[in-house]
Protein backbone atom coordinates (compact mmCIF):
# COMPACT_ATOMS: atom_id res chain seq x y z
CA MET A 1 78.60 158.29 -116.53
CA THR A 2 77.32 161.67 -117.67
CA LEU A 3 78.13 165.14 -116.42
CA PHE A 4 74.49 165.61 -115.45
CA SER A 5 74.52 162.42 -113.34
CA ILE A 6 77.53 163.59 -111.35
CA MET A 7 76.02 167.01 -110.76
CA LEU A 8 72.67 165.56 -109.69
CA ASN A 9 73.76 162.61 -107.56
CA VAL A 10 77.10 163.71 -106.09
CA ILE A 11 77.58 167.48 -106.31
CA SER A 12 74.07 168.80 -105.65
CA PRO A 13 73.57 167.12 -102.21
CA ILE A 14 76.92 168.51 -101.07
CA PHE A 15 76.09 172.03 -102.17
CA ILE A 16 72.60 171.95 -100.69
CA VAL A 17 74.19 171.51 -97.24
CA ILE A 18 76.88 174.10 -97.95
CA GLY A 19 74.26 176.54 -99.21
CA LEU A 20 72.09 176.15 -96.11
CA ALA A 21 75.11 176.72 -93.87
CA TYR A 22 76.07 179.77 -95.93
CA VAL A 23 72.61 181.29 -95.40
CA ILE A 24 72.77 180.58 -91.66
CA GLY A 25 76.24 182.13 -91.55
CA LYS A 26 74.97 185.31 -93.21
CA ARG A 27 71.83 185.46 -91.07
CA PHE A 28 73.11 184.55 -87.58
CA ASP A 29 76.92 185.03 -87.87
CA PRO A 30 77.98 181.97 -85.79
CA ASN A 31 81.64 181.35 -84.97
CA PRO A 32 83.06 178.62 -87.32
CA ARG A 33 85.83 177.75 -84.86
CA ALA A 34 83.33 176.28 -82.39
CA LEU A 35 82.35 173.69 -84.99
CA SER A 36 85.94 173.07 -86.09
CA VAL A 37 86.90 172.07 -82.53
CA PHE A 38 84.26 169.32 -82.49
CA LEU A 39 85.38 168.14 -85.92
CA ILE A 40 89.09 167.99 -85.10
CA TYR A 41 88.81 166.37 -81.68
CA VAL A 42 85.65 164.21 -81.90
CA PHE A 43 83.84 163.67 -85.20
CA VAL A 44 86.73 163.22 -87.66
CA PRO A 45 88.73 160.90 -85.35
CA MET A 46 85.61 158.74 -84.98
CA LEU A 47 85.03 158.73 -88.74
CA THR A 48 88.67 157.80 -89.35
CA PHE A 49 88.56 155.00 -86.77
CA LYS A 50 85.34 153.58 -88.23
CA GLY A 51 86.52 153.80 -91.84
CA VAL A 52 89.88 152.15 -91.16
CA ARG A 53 88.38 149.46 -88.95
CA GLU A 54 85.79 148.42 -91.54
CA SER A 55 88.12 148.46 -94.56
CA GLU A 56 88.78 145.12 -96.23
CA LEU A 57 92.55 145.36 -96.71
CA SER A 58 94.33 142.84 -98.95
CA GLY A 59 98.10 142.56 -98.89
CA GLY A 60 98.77 143.30 -102.57
CA GLU A 61 96.41 146.24 -102.88
CA LEU A 62 97.47 147.66 -99.55
CA GLY A 63 101.16 147.66 -100.46
CA GLY A 64 100.51 149.21 -103.86
CA LEU A 65 98.13 151.83 -102.52
CA VAL A 66 100.58 152.79 -99.76
CA ILE A 67 103.20 153.60 -102.39
CA VAL A 68 100.71 155.56 -104.49
CA VAL A 69 99.44 157.56 -101.49
CA LEU A 70 102.96 158.36 -100.29
CA GLY A 71 104.18 159.17 -103.79
CA VAL A 72 101.30 161.48 -104.70
CA ALA A 73 101.39 163.24 -101.32
CA GLY A 74 105.17 163.68 -101.50
CA ALA A 75 104.98 165.08 -105.01
CA MET A 76 102.18 167.49 -104.11
CA ILE A 77 104.04 168.73 -101.02
CA GLY A 78 107.27 169.22 -102.97
CA ILE A 79 105.54 171.03 -105.83
CA GLY A 80 103.54 173.16 -103.41
CA MET A 81 106.57 174.26 -101.41
CA VAL A 82 108.50 175.17 -104.56
CA VAL A 83 105.58 177.15 -106.02
CA ALA A 84 104.94 178.98 -102.72
CA ARG A 85 108.60 179.94 -102.45
CA VAL A 86 108.79 181.13 -106.07
CA MET A 87 105.60 183.17 -105.63
CA ARG A 88 106.91 184.58 -102.31
CA TRP A 89 103.68 183.98 -100.42
CA ASP A 90 103.62 184.50 -96.65
CA LYS A 91 103.84 181.56 -94.24
CA SER A 92 100.11 181.40 -93.56
CA LEU A 93 99.17 181.23 -97.25
CA SER A 94 102.09 178.91 -98.07
CA GLY A 95 101.07 176.40 -95.40
CA ALA A 96 97.44 176.52 -96.52
CA PHE A 97 98.46 176.19 -100.19
CA VAL A 98 100.55 173.06 -99.57
CA MET A 99 97.84 171.56 -97.35
CA THR A 100 95.15 171.94 -100.03
CA LEU A 101 97.33 170.10 -102.55
CA PHE A 102 97.94 166.87 -100.64
CA MET A 103 94.66 166.67 -98.71
CA MET A 104 92.06 165.49 -101.21
CA ASN A 105 88.38 164.78 -100.65
CA ALA A 106 88.70 161.01 -100.78
CA ALA A 107 85.89 160.37 -98.28
CA ASN A 108 82.50 162.07 -98.63
CA TYR A 109 83.10 162.80 -102.34
CA GLY A 110 85.58 160.14 -103.42
CA ILE A 111 83.91 157.04 -101.98
CA PRO A 112 80.43 157.60 -103.46
CA LEU A 113 81.89 158.78 -106.78
CA ASN A 114 84.03 155.66 -107.16
CA THR A 115 81.11 153.45 -106.14
CA PHE A 116 78.94 155.11 -108.78
CA ALA A 117 81.66 154.91 -111.45
CA PHE A 118 83.12 151.44 -110.80
CA GLY A 119 80.50 149.59 -108.76
CA GLU A 120 80.65 148.16 -105.25
CA ALA A 121 84.21 146.92 -105.80
CA GLY A 122 85.26 150.47 -106.59
CA GLY A 123 83.72 151.73 -103.36
CA LYS A 124 85.64 149.17 -101.32
CA VAL A 125 88.98 150.12 -102.86
CA ALA A 126 88.11 153.80 -102.38
CA ILE A 127 87.62 153.18 -98.64
CA ILE A 128 91.08 151.58 -98.46
CA TYR A 129 92.62 154.56 -100.23
CA TYR A 130 90.81 156.98 -97.95
CA ALA A 131 91.99 155.15 -94.82
CA LEU A 132 95.62 155.29 -95.93
CA ASN A 133 95.40 158.89 -97.10
CA ALA A 134 93.64 159.97 -93.90
CA MET A 135 96.48 158.70 -91.75
CA LEU A 136 99.09 160.63 -93.74
CA ALA A 137 97.10 163.71 -94.76
CA ASN A 138 95.63 164.40 -91.33
CA LEU A 139 99.04 164.01 -89.67
CA LEU A 140 100.81 166.37 -92.09
CA GLY A 141 97.76 168.60 -92.40
CA VAL A 142 97.96 169.62 -88.75
CA TYR A 143 101.63 170.52 -89.20
CA PHE A 144 101.13 172.67 -92.30
CA ALA A 145 98.01 174.32 -90.85
CA SER A 146 100.07 175.29 -87.80
CA SER A 147 103.21 176.33 -89.65
CA GLY A 148 101.97 179.80 -90.52
CA SER A 149 101.06 180.84 -86.97
CA VAL A 150 103.43 179.06 -84.57
CA SER A 151 106.99 177.79 -84.36
CA PRO A 152 107.93 174.41 -85.92
CA ARG A 153 108.18 172.92 -82.41
CA ARG A 154 104.64 174.05 -81.56
CA ALA A 155 103.39 172.76 -84.92
CA LEU A 156 104.82 169.32 -84.14
CA ARG A 157 103.19 169.49 -80.69
CA ASN A 158 99.83 170.12 -82.36
CA VAL A 159 100.35 166.99 -84.49
CA VAL A 160 100.82 164.90 -81.35
CA THR A 161 97.83 166.32 -79.49
CA VAL A 162 95.27 165.97 -82.31
CA PRO A 163 93.64 162.48 -82.07
CA ILE A 164 93.02 161.85 -85.80
CA PHE A 165 96.24 159.92 -86.47
CA PRO A 166 96.01 157.78 -83.29
CA ALA A 167 92.39 157.00 -84.22
CA ALA A 168 93.54 155.61 -87.58
CA LEU A 169 96.19 153.42 -85.94
CA LEU A 170 93.67 152.18 -83.39
CA GLY A 171 91.23 151.40 -86.19
CA PHE A 172 93.82 149.19 -87.91
CA LEU A 173 94.53 147.43 -84.63
CA VAL A 174 90.91 146.82 -83.65
CA GLY A 175 89.93 145.78 -87.18
CA GLY A 176 92.96 143.53 -87.66
CA MET A 177 92.41 141.73 -84.34
CA GLU A 178 88.63 141.59 -84.91
CA ILE A 179 87.93 143.05 -81.48
CA ASN A 180 84.26 143.46 -80.62
CA LEU A 181 83.56 146.74 -78.86
CA PRO A 182 80.86 147.17 -76.19
CA LEU A 183 77.53 148.10 -77.75
CA PRO A 184 77.29 151.57 -76.11
CA LEU A 185 80.77 152.46 -77.42
CA GLU A 186 79.96 151.05 -80.86
CA ARG A 187 76.86 153.19 -81.11
CA ALA A 188 78.66 156.30 -79.86
CA ILE A 189 81.30 155.83 -82.57
CA ASP A 190 78.60 155.41 -85.23
CA ILE A 191 76.76 158.56 -84.13
CA SER A 192 79.96 160.64 -84.07
CA ALA A 193 81.26 159.28 -87.39
CA ASN A 194 77.94 159.98 -89.09
CA ALA A 195 78.11 163.59 -87.86
CA ALA A 196 81.53 164.27 -89.40
CA ILE A 197 80.63 164.75 -93.06
CA PRO A 198 77.59 167.04 -92.62
CA CYS A 199 79.54 169.08 -90.05
CA MET A 200 82.48 169.46 -92.45
CA LEU A 201 80.14 170.70 -95.15
CA ALA A 202 78.39 173.03 -92.71
CA LEU A 203 81.76 174.43 -91.61
CA LEU A 204 82.65 175.16 -95.22
CA GLY A 205 79.39 177.03 -95.70
CA LEU A 206 79.92 179.09 -92.54
CA GLN A 207 83.46 179.99 -93.57
CA LEU A 208 82.39 180.94 -97.09
CA ALA A 209 79.83 183.29 -95.57
CA LYS A 210 82.75 185.18 -93.99
CA THR A 211 85.13 184.85 -96.95
CA PRO A 212 85.91 187.72 -99.32
CA ALA A 213 87.57 186.66 -102.58
CA ARG A 214 89.97 189.58 -102.82
CA GLY A 215 93.60 188.80 -103.59
CA LYS A 216 93.23 185.02 -103.79
CA LEU A 217 92.53 184.44 -107.48
CA CYS A 218 96.09 183.58 -108.53
CA PRO A 219 96.82 181.11 -105.68
CA VAL A 220 93.43 179.43 -106.18
CA LEU A 221 93.87 179.01 -109.94
CA VAL A 222 97.39 177.62 -109.48
CA GLY A 223 96.22 175.28 -106.71
CA VAL A 224 93.21 173.98 -108.64
CA THR A 225 95.36 173.25 -111.69
CA ILE A 226 97.88 171.29 -109.63
CA ARG A 227 95.22 169.42 -107.63
CA LEU A 228 92.93 168.44 -110.50
CA VAL A 229 95.18 168.30 -113.58
CA LEU A 230 98.72 167.59 -112.43
CA ALA A 231 97.84 165.08 -109.67
CA PRO A 232 96.49 162.35 -112.01
CA LEU A 233 99.58 162.74 -114.18
CA VAL A 234 101.69 162.12 -111.06
CA ALA A 235 99.54 159.17 -109.96
CA LEU A 236 99.53 157.33 -113.31
CA PRO A 237 103.21 156.26 -113.42
CA LEU A 238 103.09 155.33 -109.72
CA VAL A 239 100.04 153.11 -110.25
CA LEU A 240 101.72 151.46 -113.24
CA LEU A 241 104.95 151.01 -111.27
CA VAL A 242 103.30 149.11 -108.42
CA GLY A 243 101.32 146.93 -110.82
CA LEU A 244 97.78 147.80 -109.80
CA SER A 245 95.15 146.67 -112.31
CA GLY A 246 91.42 146.61 -112.87
CA VAL A 247 89.29 148.48 -110.37
CA ALA A 248 92.25 149.15 -108.06
CA PHE A 249 94.03 150.88 -110.95
CA GLN A 250 90.99 153.01 -111.77
CA VAL A 251 90.18 154.01 -108.20
CA ALA A 252 93.79 154.86 -107.28
CA ILE A 253 93.97 157.39 -110.09
CA VAL A 254 90.53 158.88 -109.46
CA GLN A 255 91.08 159.19 -105.70
CA SER A 256 94.43 160.88 -106.31
CA SER A 257 92.62 163.41 -108.49
CA MET A 258 89.85 164.46 -106.10
CA PRO A 259 89.34 168.13 -105.16
CA THR A 260 90.63 169.61 -101.92
CA ALA A 261 89.28 168.06 -98.72
CA VAL A 262 86.75 169.98 -96.65
CA LEU A 263 88.83 169.07 -93.59
CA THR A 264 91.45 171.64 -94.63
CA ASN A 265 89.00 174.34 -93.57
CA ALA A 266 88.63 172.87 -90.09
CA LEU A 267 92.41 172.59 -89.68
CA ALA A 268 92.98 176.12 -90.98
CA ALA A 269 90.33 177.54 -88.64
CA GLU A 270 91.66 175.61 -85.65
CA PHE A 271 95.39 176.24 -86.09
CA GLY A 272 95.55 179.75 -87.52
CA SER A 273 96.32 179.08 -91.17
CA ASP A 274 94.75 180.94 -94.10
CA ALA A 275 91.14 179.72 -93.79
CA GLU A 276 90.02 182.19 -96.47
CA TYR A 277 92.25 180.49 -99.01
CA THR A 278 91.34 176.92 -97.99
CA SER A 279 87.63 177.76 -98.21
CA LEU A 280 87.95 179.21 -101.71
CA MET A 281 90.25 176.40 -102.86
CA THR A 282 87.81 173.77 -101.60
CA LEU A 283 84.85 175.43 -103.29
CA VAL A 284 86.51 176.16 -106.65
CA SER A 285 88.27 172.79 -106.90
CA THR A 286 85.02 170.97 -106.09
CA LEU A 287 83.11 172.87 -108.77
CA ALA A 288 85.89 172.41 -111.35
CA SER A 289 86.15 168.70 -110.54
CA VAL A 290 82.72 168.12 -112.08
CA VAL A 291 84.41 168.52 -115.45
CA THR A 292 87.85 167.03 -114.73
CA LEU A 293 86.55 163.93 -112.95
CA SER A 294 83.91 163.31 -115.61
CA VAL A 295 86.63 163.31 -118.27
CA LEU A 296 88.94 161.15 -116.14
CA VAL A 297 86.28 158.56 -115.31
CA GLY A 298 85.34 158.40 -118.99
CA LEU A 299 88.96 157.80 -120.00
CA LEU A 300 89.23 155.03 -117.39
CA GLY A 301 86.10 153.30 -118.67
CA GLY A 302 83.91 154.00 -115.64
CA GLY A 303 80.17 154.30 -115.46
CA VAL A 304 78.04 151.43 -114.19
């Protein structure tokens, strides 16, 4: 897989949507929070439910991937909290910083990238990884997004009231029991799930249109380095420890090394965290990942 192929087939479609939303944001000045509400409470829960329900989960891969997801997320949270404390950042920036480290773009970027790099089998494993990561990252993401603006008790209340985590659990239940949903409900889920990714990209563009870059260079550079360079070094021993091999081995490392998830911007906008930082971190990490992921996929023998 070449750098040009990634830029053309993966990065450019994403940035076309972001660019259009940026122009609309500059021209009409819409309120990003209105879109974030729909994402948090409708579109992303539907996407999570659909992705989890349709995942083909095998016992061995599931157990190994659970350990990798938990291990990488735990390491990123621990490193992020230590760095934020050492740097003496305020609560809003600290919460946003930690959130951007453990919430990676394993869905609208990770799934097609792994499919392109490792074939259809890679795409299937990537969906499994995304489903597991979504359950954990969305649950903790709400907490850290809230931690800078409200009390810990209120942050925990926000976790309970946001339907993303229950949607993932319901997806496992419905998929595992092979329950057939009524056709109108099935189609409503499909429509809502399909709206999630373009809306997340549009939200990022709208937020970038309102985002000055002053005073964020150091946190962004530190965050990008941890997310794109340190994360695969954390994932590698975990993947070896659980005995994953072949495509599962490759995908687990690549998914752990994806740039910051666009969803962090929706959570930051909705719960009062530092949306300026999450927007810049998402943009810069996505651009920088063109290089880091190309190198990583090459080292792992990808490119089909």
